[in-house]
Amino acid sequence: MAPFAAIADRQAYPSMANTIANLSRMATASIAVALLVMGIKYLAYWATGSVALYSDALESIVNVVTAIAALVAIRISARPADRRHQFGHHKAEYFSAVLEGVLIIVAALLILHAAWDALKSPRALTEPATGLAINAVATVINAAWSWALIRFGRSWRSPALVADGWHLFADVATSVGVIIGLALSILTGWAILDPALAALVALNILVAGWRLMSSSISGLMDEAVDSGIARRIRALISEHATGAIEAHDIRTRSAGRATFIDFHLVVPGAMSVADAHRICDRIESALEAEIDGAEVVIHVEPEGEARHRGVLVI
């Protein structure tokens, strides 16, 4: 019997359409929030002349650009499979996350340059208390929005949204550091603390950018699902493959909201194609119900191909 593939139905489900609509709304709102926060932070810099606040405001430009990139990537990833992209466009969001990592690193280098200039020529701050208060408002807004992006991005399995959330969280951490550092500068009168703090902010941003790029590249490299999901997949195959003998060579990869599952299913040699197909349909239905975005390919083989390893049918 020649192996054949049983491929999961790829038509758009209403729940997936709702998820895409929600992701688009969140990404659009991110652009508005990023513009608002950028304006507030530049107001704080304008009021004080602080290079640390300038560095914080400069990163907000990156926030705006990456929010736009996330929206574009989410809309591209929602496109159905076509002749040239037969596995869909799910990986588009990873490209957005990599771009975000690159822009974060560029922003960090610009901040380091500004900090170096200020270290050579420290200057007194004007209206520091007002600037700190203004920046604190922007930080609270960013903290609330980053929490929302990470929470909903994970729930809807959106790498672009999660990346945007973690980027904002890093921005919150640096903003808190800026506020504390400038408060110390005001209390001690040491003007050099301002550029020194900006340099520390830049180094922190560099680390955040590198981590973001590394995690996104893992997705582009077809990294397998985590061990917990892998165990659940194997259990589901075992539970719903009654009539088959075993499943082996189970492979998985994640691509945004999609989880691709590929394996070989060994059935009795005398089993008809129709009966084997019914088993495949049963397994697919179970995987699609339990694993979000499951795309299943099953290669059916006669019992002579059994390897007596992998998943035994219970």
C-alpha atoms as a PDB file:
ATOM      1  CA  MET A   1       0.000   0.000   0.000  1.00  0.00           C
ATOM      2  CA  ALA A   2       1.518   3.333  -1.021  1.00  0.00           C
ATOM      3  CA  PRO A   3       1.710   5.885   1.816  1.00  0.00           C
ATOM      4  CA  PHE A   4      -0.746   8.725   1.565  1.00  0.00           C
ATOM      5  CA  ALA A   5      -1.107  11.988   3.472  1.00  0.00           C
ATOM      6  CA  ALA A   6      -4.192  12.954   5.456  1.00  0.00           C
ATOM      7  CA  ILE A   7      -4.041  16.710   5.686  1.00  0.00           C
ATOM      8  CA  ALA A   8      -5.990  18.848   8.144  1.00  0.00           C
ATOM      9  CA  ASP A   9      -8.694  21.058   6.718  1.00  0.00           C
ATOM     10  CA  ARG A  10      -7.315  24.580   6.271  1.00  0.00           C
ATOM     11  CA  GLN A  11     -10.490  26.569   5.899  1.00  0.00           C
ATOM     12  CA  ALA A  12     -10.842  29.587   8.176  1.00  0.00           C
ATOM     13  CA  TYR A  13     -12.680  28.841  11.395  1.00  0.00           C
ATOM     14  CA  PRO A  14     -14.849  31.586  12.960  1.00  0.00           C
ATOM     15  CA  SER A  15     -12.740  31.485  16.163  1.00  0.00           C
ATOM     16  CA  MET A  16      -9.556  32.074  14.147  1.00  0.00           C
ATOM     17  CA  ALA A  17     -11.193  34.982  12.301  1.00  0.00           C
ATOM     18  CA  ASN A  18     -12.124  36.511  15.660  1.00  0.00           C
ATOM     19  CA  THR A  19      -8.565  36.058  16.903  1.00  0.00           C
ATOM     20  CA  ILE A  20      -7.137  37.828  13.856  1.00  0.00           C
ATOM     21  CA  ALA A  21      -9.604  40.700  14.291  1.00  0.00           C
ATOM     22  CA  ASN A  22      -8.648  41.022  17.966  1.00  0.00           C
ATOM     23  CA  LEU A  23      -4.935  40.959  17.135  1.00  0.00           C
ATOM     24  CA  SER A  24      -5.390  43.701  14.544  1.00  0.00           C
ATOM     25  CA  ARG A  25      -7.276  45.862  17.031  1.00  0.00           C
ATOM     26  CA  MET A  26      -4.587  45.386  19.681  1.00  0.00           C
ATOM     27  CA  ALA A  27      -1.814  46.171  17.211  1.00  0.00           C
ATOM     28  CA  THR A  28      -3.638  49.306  16.005  1.00  0.00           C
ATOM     29  CA  ALA A  29      -4.142  50.432  19.602  1.00  0.00           C
ATOM     30  CA  SER A  30      -0.409  49.861  20.209  1.00  0.00           C
ATOM     31  CA  ILE A  31       0.422  52.454  17.573  1.00  0.00           C
ATOM     32  CA  ALA A  32      -1.827  55.006  19.284  1.00  0.00           C
ATOM     33  CA  VAL A  33      -0.358  54.211  22.724  1.00  0.00           C
ATOM     34  CA  ALA A  34       3.211  54.413  21.384  1.00  0.00           C
ATOM     35  CA  LEU A  35       2.541  57.846  19.838  1.00  0.00           C
ATOM     36  CA  LEU A  36       0.981  59.105  23.071  1.00  0.00           C
ATOM     37  CA  VAL A  37       3.862  57.849  25.229  1.00  0.00           C
ATOM     38  CA  MET A  38       6.442  59.244  22.803  1.00  0.00           C
ATOM     39  CA  GLY A  39       4.842  62.693  23.031  1.00  0.00           C
ATOM     40  CA  ILE A  40       4.759  62.577  26.833  1.00  0.00           C
ATOM     41  CA  LYS A  41       8.395  61.483  27.093  1.00  0.00           C
ATOM     42  CA  TYR A  42       9.618  64.166  24.708  1.00  0.00           C
ATOM     43  CA  LEU A  43       7.729  66.706  26.797  1.00  0.00           C
ATOM     44  CA  ALA A  44       9.670  65.464  29.839  1.00  0.00           C
ATOM     45  CA  TYR A  45      12.970  65.789  27.944  1.00  0.00           C
ATOM     46  CA  TRP A  46      12.035  69.286  26.697  1.00  0.00           C
ATOM     47  CA  ALA A  47      11.259  70.381  30.252  1.00  0.00           C
ATOM     48  CA  THR A  48      14.564  69.131  31.720  1.00  0.00           C
ATOM     49  CA  GLY A  49      17.201  68.812  29.000  1.00  0.00           C
ATOM     50  CA  SER A  50      18.123  65.454  30.583  1.00  0.00           C
ATOM     51  CA  VAL A  51      20.075  63.106  28.319  1.00  0.00           C
ATOM     52  CA  ALA A  52      18.648  60.153  30.299  1.00  0.00           C
ATOM     53  CA  LEU A  53      15.117  61.314  29.537  1.00  0.00           C
ATOM     54  CA  TYR A  54      16.204  61.942  25.950  1.00  0.00           C
ATOM     55  CA  SER A  55      17.365  58.318  25.732  1.00  0.00           C
ATOM     56  CA  ASP A  56      14.025  57.166  27.102  1.00  0.00           C
ATOM     57  CA  ALA A  57      12.167  59.324  24.558  1.00  0.00           C
ATOM     58  CA  LEU A  58      14.357  58.104  21.708  1.00  0.00           C
ATOM     59  CA  GLU A  59      13.396  54.520  22.427  1.00  0.00           C
ATOM     60  CA  SER A  60       9.753  55.542  22.052  1.00  0.00           C
ATOM     61  CA  ILE A  61      10.370  56.202  18.362  1.00  0.00           C
ATOM     62  CA  VAL A  62      11.316  52.533  18.090  1.00  0.00           C
ATOM     63  CA  ASN A  63       8.076  51.668  19.895  1.00  0.00           C
ATOM     64  CA  VAL A  64       6.066  53.445  17.208  1.00  0.00           C
ATOM     65  CA  VAL A  65       7.948  51.799  14.325  1.00  0.00           C
ATOM     66  CA  THR A  66       7.707  48.318  15.823  1.00  0.00           C
ATOM     67  CA  ALA A  67       4.001  48.738  16.615  1.00  0.00           C
ATOM     68  CA  ILE A  68       3.412  49.531  12.948  1.00  0.00           C
ATOM     69  CA  ALA A  69       5.559  46.544  11.914  1.00  0.00           C
ATOM     70  CA  ALA A  70       3.594  44.274  14.255  1.00  0.00           C
ATOM     71  CA  LEU A  71       0.277  45.370  12.707  1.00  0.00           C
ATOM     72  CA  VAL A  72       1.570  44.747   9.170  1.00  0.00           C
ATOM     73  CA  ALA A  73       2.982  41.331  10.172  1.00  0.00           C
ATOM     74  CA  ILE A  74      -0.255  40.247  11.864  1.00  0.00           C
ATOM     75  CA  ARG A  75      -2.275  41.130   8.769  1.00  0.00           C
ATOM     76  CA  ILE A  76       0.154  39.291   6.492  1.00  0.00           C
ATOM     77  CA  SER A  77       0.189  36.205   8.755  1.00  0.00           C
ATOM     78  CA  ALA A  78      -3.626  36.081   8.594  1.00  0.00           C
ATOM     79  CA  ARG A  79      -3.624  35.533   4.846  1.00  0.00           C
ATOM     80  CA  PRO A  80      -4.694  32.018   3.796  1.00  0.00           C
ATOM     81  CA  ALA A  81      -2.309  29.608   2.127  1.00  0.00           C
ATOM     82  CA  ASP A  82      -1.845  30.184  -1.603  1.00  0.00           C
ATOM     83  CA  ARG A  83       0.024  28.594  -4.503  1.00  0.00           C
ATOM     84  CA  ARG A  84       3.344  30.219  -3.592  1.00  0.00           C
ATOM     85  CA  HIS A  85       2.932  29.917   0.201  1.00  0.00           C
ATOM     86  CA  GLN A  86       1.306  26.515   0.569  1.00  0.00           C
ATOM     87  CA  PHE A  87       1.895  26.333   4.335  1.00  0.00           C
ATOM     88  CA  GLY A  88       0.416  29.774   4.941  1.00  0.00           C
ATOM     89  CA  HIS A  89       2.007  33.058   6.011  1.00  0.00           C
ATOM     90  CA  HIS A  90       2.324  32.318   9.729  1.00  0.00           C
ATOM     91  CA  LYS A  91       6.023  33.192   9.992  1.00  0.00           C
ATOM     92  CA  ALA A  92       5.487  36.826   9.023  1.00  0.00           C
ATOM     93  CA  GLU A  93       5.174  37.725  12.710  1.00  0.00           C
ATOM     94  CA  TYR A  94       8.648  36.356  13.444  1.00  0.00           C
ATOM     95  CA  PHE A  95      10.122  38.758  10.889  1.00  0.00           C
ATOM     96  CA  SER A  96       8.394  41.599  12.718  1.00  0.00           C
ATOM     97  CA  ALA A  97       9.912  40.458  16.017  1.00  0.00           C
ATOM     98  CA  VAL A  98      13.408  40.218  14.472  1.00  0.00           C
ATOM     99  CA  LEU A  99      12.992  43.723  13.018  1.00  0.00           C
ATOM    100  CA  GLU A 100      11.994  44.959  16.455  1.00  0.00           C
ATOM    101  CA  GLY A 101      15.140  43.457  17.940  1.00  0.00           C
ATOM    102  CA  VAL A 102      17.316  45.150  15.314  1.00  0.00           C
ATOM    103  CA  LEU A 103      15.675  48.548  15.897  1.00  0.00           C
ATOM    104  CA  ILE A 104      16.082  48.193  19.664  1.00  0.00           C
ATOM    105  CA  ILE A 105      19.814  47.647  19.172  1.00  0.00           C
ATOM    106  CA  VAL A 106      20.045  50.669  16.842  1.00  0.00           C
ATOM    107  CA  ALA A 107      18.262  52.810  19.448  1.00  0.00           C
ATOM    108  CA  ALA A 108      20.677  51.606  22.130  1.00  0.00           C
ATOM    109  CA  LEU A 109      23.677  52.619  20.008  1.00  0.00           C
ATOM    110  CA  LEU A 110      22.194  56.101  19.441  1.00  0.00           C
ATOM    111  CA  ILE A 111      21.620  56.463  23.177  1.00  0.00           C
ATOM    112  CA  LEU A 112      25.228  55.439  23.912  1.00  0.00           C
ATOM    113  CA  HIS A 113      26.432  58.116  21.488  1.00  0.00           C
ATOM    114  CA  ALA A 114      24.316  60.789  23.203  1.00  0.00           C
ATOM    115  CA  ALA A 115      25.471  59.584  26.634  1.00  0.00           C
ATOM    116  CA  TRP A 116      29.123  59.800  25.588  1.00  0.00           C
ATOM    117  CA  ASP A 117      28.693  63.392  24.413  1.00  0.00           C
ATOM    118  CA  ALA A 118      26.987  64.293  27.696  1.00  0.00           C
ATOM    119  CA  LEU A 119      29.687  62.563  29.759  1.00  0.00           C
ATOM    120  CA  LYS A 120      32.297  64.770  28.095  1.00  0.00           C
ATOM    121  CA  SER A 121      30.252  67.910  28.793  1.00  0.00           C
ATOM    122  CA  PRO A 122      27.834  67.392  31.750  1.00  0.00           C
ATOM    123  CA  ARG A 123      25.113  70.014  32.065  1.00  0.00           C
ATOM    124  CA  ALA A 124      22.739  71.037  34.826  1.00  0.00           C
ATOM    125  CA  LEU A 125      19.098  69.984  34.558  1.00  0.00           C
ATOM    126  CA  THR A 126      16.196  72.416  34.352  1.00  0.00           C
ATOM    127  CA  GLU A 127      12.848  71.679  36.045  1.00  0.00           C
ATOM    128  CA  PRO A 128      13.909  68.100  36.935  1.00  0.00           C
ATOM    129  CA  ALA A 129      10.960  67.404  39.248  1.00  0.00           C
ATOM    130  CA  THR A 130       8.456  68.390  36.535  1.00  0.00           C
ATOM    131  CA  GLY A 131      10.227  66.213  33.992  1.00  0.00           C
ATOM    132  CA  LEU A 132      10.243  63.228  36.317  1.00  0.00           C
ATOM    133  CA  ALA A 133       6.539  63.577  37.028  1.00  0.00           C
ATOM    134  CA  ILE A 134       5.737  63.765  33.308  1.00  0.00           C
ATOM    135  CA  ASN A 135       7.908  60.730  32.582  1.00  0.00           C
ATOM    136  CA  ALA A 136       6.241  58.782  35.392  1.00  0.00           C
ATOM    137  CA  VAL A 137       2.856  59.208  33.676  1.00  0.00           C
ATOM    138  CA  ALA A 138       4.268  57.732  30.462  1.00  0.00           C
ATOM    139  CA  THR A 139       5.799  54.849  32.428  1.00  0.00           C
ATOM    140  CA  VAL A 140       2.474  53.923  34.046  1.00  0.00           C
ATOM    141  CA  ILE A 141       0.763  53.901  30.622  1.00  0.00           C
ATOM    142  CA  ASN A 142       3.512  51.713  29.163  1.00  0.00           C
ATOM    143  CA  ALA A 143       3.396  49.290  32.111  1.00  0.00           C
ATOM    144  CA  ALA A 144      -0.349  48.736  31.767  1.00  0.00           C
ATOM    145  CA  TRP A 145      -0.173  48.313  28.004  1.00  0.00           C
ATOM    146  CA  SER A 146       2.836  45.948  28.069  1.00  0.00           C
ATOM    147  CA  TRP A 147       0.965  43.698  30.509  1.00  0.00           C
ATOM    148  CA  ALA A 148      -2.052  43.648  28.189  1.00  0.00           C
ATOM    149  CA  LEU A 149       0.044  42.885  25.095  1.00  0.00           C
ATOM    150  CA  ILE A 150       1.923  39.991  26.725  1.00  0.00           C
ATOM    151  CA  ARG A 151      -1.236  38.503  28.228  1.00  0.00           C
ATOM    152  CA  PHE A 152      -3.358  38.643  25.090  1.00  0.00           C
ATOM    153  CA  GLY A 153      -0.430  37.907  22.762  1.00  0.00           C
ATOM    154  CA  ARG A 154       0.208  34.627  24.589  1.00  0.00           C
ATOM    155  CA  SER A 155      -3.490  33.797  24.688  1.00  0.00           C
ATOM    156  CA  TRP A 156      -3.809  34.357  20.926  1.00  0.00           C
ATOM    157  CA  ARG A 157      -0.368  32.883  20.128  1.00  0.00           C
ATOM    158  CA  SER A 158       0.979  35.999  18.443  1.00  0.00           C
ATOM    159  CA  PRO A 159       4.822  36.318  18.476  1.00  0.00           C
ATOM    160  CA  ALA A 160       4.577  39.896  17.175  1.00  0.00           C
ATOM    161  CA  LEU A 161       2.245  41.003  19.978  1.00  0.00           C
ATOM    162  CA  VAL A 162       4.264  39.234  22.693  1.00  0.00           C
ATOM    163  CA  ALA A 163       7.486  40.751  21.335  1.00  0.00           C
ATOM    164  CA  ASP A 164       5.911  44.193  21.370  1.00  0.00           C
ATOM    165  CA  GLY A 165       4.794  43.631  24.966  1.00  0.00           C
ATOM    166  CA  TRP A 166       8.213  42.532  26.187  1.00  0.00           C
ATOM    167  CA  HIS A 167       9.809  45.454  24.405  1.00  0.00           C
ATOM    168  CA  LEU A 168       7.490  47.832  26.234  1.00  0.00           C
ATOM    169  CA  PHE A 169       8.231  46.012  29.492  1.00  0.00           C
ATOM    170  CA  ALA A 170      11.957  46.625  28.929  1.00  0.00           C
ATOM    171  CA  ASP A 171      11.066  50.259  28.265  1.00  0.00           C
ATOM    172  CA  VAL A 172       9.205  50.374  31.591  1.00  0.00           C
ATOM    173  CA  ALA A 173      12.201  48.929  33.424  1.00  0.00           C
ATOM    174  CA  THR A 174      14.561  51.487  31.911  1.00  0.00           C
ATOM    175  CA  SER A 175      12.121  54.322  32.621  1.00  0.00           C
ATOM    176  CA  VAL A 176      11.948  53.323  36.279  1.00  0.00           C
ATOM    177  CA  GLY A 177      15.749  53.273  36.349  1.00  0.00           C
ATOM    178  CA  VAL A 178      15.852  56.729  34.765  1.00  0.00           C
ATOM    179  CA  ILE A 179      13.418  58.130  37.325  1.00  0.00           C
ATOM    180  CA  ILE A 180      15.392  56.692  40.254  1.00  0.00           C
ATOM    181  CA  GLY A 181      18.726  57.816  38.816  1.00  0.00           C
ATOM    182  CA  LEU A 182      17.583  61.354  38.095  1.00  0.00           C
ATOM    183  CA  ALA A 183      16.103  61.608  41.573  1.00  0.00           C
ATOM    184  CA  LEU A 184      19.541  60.697  42.940  1.00  0.00           C
ATOM    185  CA  SER A 185      21.143  63.258  40.618  1.00  0.00           C
ATOM    186  CA  ILE A 186      18.816  65.948  41.992  1.00  0.00           C
ATOM    187  CA  LEU A 187      19.532  64.983  45.604  1.00  0.00           C
ATOM    188  CA  THR A 188      23.316  64.717  45.221  1.00  0.00           C
ATOM    189  CA  GLY A 189      23.882  67.459  42.632  1.00  0.00           C
ATOM    190  CA  TRP A 190      26.091  65.135  40.578  1.00  0.00           C
ATOM    191  CA  ALA A 191      25.300  66.062  36.962  1.00  0.00           C
ATOM    192  CA  ILE A 192      27.413  63.165  35.674  1.00  0.00           C
ATOM    193  CA  LEU A 193      24.799  60.707  36.954  1.00  0.00           C
ATOM    194  CA  ASP A 194      22.479  61.737  34.117  1.00  0.00           C
ATOM    195  CA  PRO A 195      24.637  60.566  31.156  1.00  0.00           C
ATOM    196  CA  ALA A 196      25.956  57.621  33.153  1.00  0.00           C
ATOM    197  CA  LEU A 197      22.409  56.467  33.691  1.00  0.00           C
ATOM    198  CA  ALA A 198      21.636  56.918  29.988  1.00  0.00           C
ATOM    199  CA  ALA A 199      24.556  54.603  29.179  1.00  0.00           C
ATOM    200  CA  LEU A 200      23.192  51.957  31.571  1.00  0.00           C
ATOM    201  CA  VAL A 201      19.779  52.301  29.922  1.00  0.00           C
ATOM    202  CA  ALA A 202      21.388  51.688  26.526  1.00  0.00           C
ATOM    203  CA  LEU A 203      23.176  48.556  27.739  1.00  0.00           C
ATOM    204  CA  ASN A 204      19.921  47.201  29.168  1.00  0.00           C
ATOM    205  CA  ILE A 205      18.170  47.878  25.868  1.00  0.00           C
ATOM    206  CA  LEU A 206      20.946  46.045  23.987  1.00  0.00           C
ATOM    207  CA  VAL A 207      20.385  42.936  26.109  1.00  0.00           C
ATOM    208  CA  ALA A 208      16.604  43.127  25.555  1.00  0.00           C
ATOM    209  CA  GLY A 209      17.087  43.479  21.793  1.00  0.00           C
ATOM    210  CA  TRP A 210      19.412  40.488  21.638  1.00  0.00           C
ATOM    211  CA  ARG A 211      17.024  38.279  23.613  1.00  0.00           C
ATOM    212  CA  LEU A 212      14.115  39.280  21.408  1.00  0.00           C
ATOM    213  CA  MET A 213      16.038  38.503  18.219  1.00  0.00           C
ATOM    214  CA  SER A 214      17.210  35.135  19.575  1.00  0.00           C
ATOM    215  CA  SER A 215      13.700  33.961  20.476  1.00  0.00           C
ATOM    216  CA  SER A 216      12.313  35.084  17.101  1.00  0.00           C
ATOM    217  CA  ILE A 217      15.086  33.371  15.160  1.00  0.00           C
ATOM    218  CA  SER A 218      14.191  30.124  16.961  1.00  0.00           C
ATOM    219  CA  GLY A 219      10.714  30.377  15.417  1.00  0.00           C
ATOM    220  CA  LEU A 220      12.161  31.020  11.973  1.00  0.00           C
ATOM    221  CA  MET A 221      14.359  27.927  12.398  1.00  0.00           C
ATOM    222  CA  ASP A 222      11.282  25.674  12.837  1.00  0.00           C
ATOM    223  CA  GLU A 223      11.814  24.966  16.526  1.00  0.00           C
ATOM    224  CA  ALA A 224       9.733  22.092  17.888  1.00  0.00           C
ATOM    225  CA  VAL A 225       6.889  22.648  20.370  1.00  0.00           C
ATOM    226  CA  ASP A 226       7.792  22.591  24.064  1.00  0.00           C
ATOM    227  CA  SER A 227       7.940  19.282  25.941  1.00  0.00           C
ATOM    228  CA  GLY A 228       4.526  19.688  27.605  1.00  0.00           C
ATOM    229  CA  ILE A 229       2.696  20.154  24.309  1.00  0.00           C
ATOM    230  CA  ALA A 230       4.748  17.341  22.721  1.00  0.00           C
ATOM    231  CA  ARG A 231       3.628  14.919  25.470  1.00  0.00           C
ATOM    232  CA  ARG A 232       0.002  15.974  24.951  1.00  0.00           C
ATOM    233  CA  ILE A 233       0.278  15.374  21.187  1.00  0.00           C
ATOM    234  CA  ARG A 234       1.675  11.880  21.730  1.00  0.00           C
ATOM    235  CA  ALA A 235      -1.063  11.065  24.249  1.00  0.00           C
ATOM    236  CA  LEU A 236      -3.807  12.243  21.889  1.00  0.00           C
ATOM    237  CA  ILE A 237      -2.438  10.140  19.040  1.00  0.00           C
ATOM    238  CA  SER A 238      -2.283   7.087  21.296  1.00  0.00           C
ATOM    239  CA  GLU A 239      -5.823   7.599  22.617  1.00  0.00           C
ATOM    240  CA  HIS A 240      -7.529   8.151  19.246  1.00  0.00           C
ATOM    241  CA  ALA A 241      -5.667   5.782  16.918  1.00  0.00           C
ATOM    242  CA  THR A 242      -7.661   2.663  17.825  1.00  0.00           C
ATOM    243  CA  GLY A 243      -7.340   0.171  14.975  1.00  0.00           C
ATOM    244  CA  ALA A 244      -3.795   1.237  14.097  1.00  0.00           C
ATOM    245  CA  ILE A 245      -0.621  -0.402  15.405  1.00  0.00           C
ATOM    246  CA  GLU A 246       1.741   2.448  16.191  1.00  0.00           C
ATOM    247  CA  ALA A 247       2.798   5.991  15.290  1.00  0.00           C
ATOM    248  CA  HIS A 248       6.438   6.904  14.821  1.00  0.00           C
ATOM    249  CA  ASP A 249       8.700   9.710  13.574  1.00  0.00           C
ATOM    250  CA  ILE A 250       6.474  12.355  15.174  1.00  0.00           C
ATOM    251  CA  ARG A 251       7.745  15.809  14.231  1.00  0.00           C
ATOM    252  CA  THR A 252       6.433  19.225  15.211  1.00  0.00           C
ATOM    253  CA  ARG A 253       7.220  22.848  14.492  1.00  0.00           C
ATOM    254  CA  SER A 254       5.666  26.123  15.530  1.00  0.00           C
ATOM    255  CA  ALA A 255       4.984  29.026  13.184  1.00  0.00           C
ATOM    256  CA  GLY A 256       3.114  31.838  14.886  1.00  0.00           C
ATOM    257  CA  ARG A 257      -0.397  30.641  15.684  1.00  0.00           C
ATOM    258  CA  ALA A 258       0.067  27.392  13.724  1.00  0.00           C
ATOM    259  CA  THR A 259       1.452  24.124  15.100  1.00  0.00           C
ATOM    260  CA  PHE A 260       2.497  21.681  12.378  1.00  0.00           C
ATOM    261  CA  ILE A 261       2.336  17.996  13.354  1.00  0.00           C
ATOM    262  CA  ASP A 262       3.707  15.301  11.064  1.00  0.00           C
ATOM    263  CA  PHE A 263       3.989  11.564  11.771  1.00  0.00           C
ATOM    264  CA  HIS A 264       3.790   8.035  10.312  1.00  0.00           C
ATOM    265  CA  LEU A 265       0.837   5.839  11.294  1.00  0.00           C
ATOM    266  CA  VAL A 266       1.248   2.067  10.914  1.00  0.00           C
ATOM    267  CA  VAL A 267      -1.962   0.093  10.230  1.00  0.00           C
ATOM    268  CA  PRO A 268      -2.647  -3.607   9.498  1.00  0.00           C
ATOM    269  CA  GLY A 269      -1.687  -4.496   5.935  1.00  0.00           C
ATOM    270  CA  ALA A 270      -5.157  -5.837   5.163  1.00  0.00           C
ATOM    271  CA  MET A 271      -6.933  -2.674   6.304  1.00  0.00           C
ATOM    272  CA  SER A 272      -8.798  -0.791   3.567  1.00  0.00           C
ATOM    273  CA  VAL A 273      -7.902   2.745   2.596  1.00  0.00           C
ATOM    274  CA  ALA A 274     -11.330   3.918   3.793  1.00  0.00           C
ATOM    275  CA  ASP A 275     -10.822   2.423   7.269  1.00  0.00           C
ATOM    276  CA  ALA A 276      -7.329   3.893   7.548  1.00  0.00           C
ATOM    277  CA  HIS A 277      -8.673   7.270   6.509  1.00  0.00           C
ATOM    278  CA  ARG A 278     -11.335   7.141   9.238  1.00  0.00           C
ATOM    279  CA  ILE A 279      -8.611   6.593  11.840  1.00  0.00           C
ATOM    280  CA  CYS A 280      -6.682   9.573  10.455  1.00  0.00           C
ATOM    281  CA  ASP A 281      -9.798  11.747  10.588  1.00  0.00           C
ATOM    282  CA  ARG A 282     -10.356  10.765  14.221  1.00  0.00           C
ATOM    283  CA  ILE A 283      -6.780  11.626  15.198  1.00  0.00           C
ATOM    284  CA  GLU A 284      -6.882  14.934  13.309  1.00  0.00           C
ATOM    285  CA  SER A 285     -10.134  15.969  14.984  1.00  0.00           C
ATOM    286  CA  ALA A 286      -8.689  15.238  18.438  1.00  0.00           C
ATOM    287  CA  LEU A 287      -5.469  17.158  17.741  1.00  0.00           C
ATOM    288  CA  GLU A 288      -7.308  20.146  16.269  1.00  0.00           C
ATOM    289  CA  ALA A 289      -9.637  20.275  19.288  1.00  0.00           C
ATOM    290  CA  GLU A 290      -6.794  20.207  21.847  1.00  0.00           C
ATOM    291  CA  ILE A 291      -3.853  21.893  20.092  1.00  0.00           C
ATOM    292  CA  ASP A 292      -4.476  25.475  18.948  1.00  0.00           C
ATOM    293  CA  GLY A 293      -3.828  26.001  15.248  1.00  0.00           C
ATOM    294  CA  ALA A 294      -2.947  22.339  14.605  1.00  0.00           C
ATOM    295  CA  GLU A 295      -2.032  21.506  11.002  1.00  0.00           C
ATOM    296  CA  VAL A 296      -1.750  17.726  10.747  1.00  0.00           C
ATOM    297  CA  VAL A 297      -0.092  15.500   8.145  1.00  0.00           C
ATOM    298  CA  ILE A 298      -0.314  11.723   8.641  1.00  0.00           C
ATOM    299  CA  HIS A 299       1.620   9.238   6.483  1.00  0.00           C
ATOM    300  CA  VAL A 300      -0.106   5.829   6.538  1.00  0.00           C
ATOM    301  CA  GLU A 301       2.090   2.731   6.288  1.00  0.00           C
ATOM    302  CA  PRO A 302       1.428  -1.063   6.317  1.00  0.00           C
ATOM    303  CA  GLU A 303       2.423  -3.100   9.367  1.00  0.00           C
ATOM    304  CA  GLY A 304       5.668  -4.239   7.741  1.00  0.00           C
ATOM    305  CA  GLU A 305       6.949  -0.711   8.319  1.00  0.00           C
ATOM    306  CA  ALA A 306       6.415  -0.889  12.098  1.00  0.00           C
ATOM    307  CA  ARG A 307       9.508   0.117  14.093  1.00  0.00           C
ATOM    308  CA  HIS A 308       8.161  -0.857  17.513  1.00  0.00           C
ATOM    309  CA  ARG A 309       9.038   2.543  18.919  1.00  0.00           C
ATOM    310  CA  GLY A 310       7.370   5.890  19.118  1.00  0.00           C
ATOM    311  CA  VAL A 311       3.697   5.877  20.203  1.00  0.00           C
ATOM    312  CA  LEU A 312       1.907   2.587  20.756  1.00  0.00           C
ATOM    313  CA  VAL A 313      -1.859   2.641  20.300  1.00  0.00           C
ATOM    314  CA  ILE A 314      -3.868   1.997  23.479  1.00  0.00           C
END
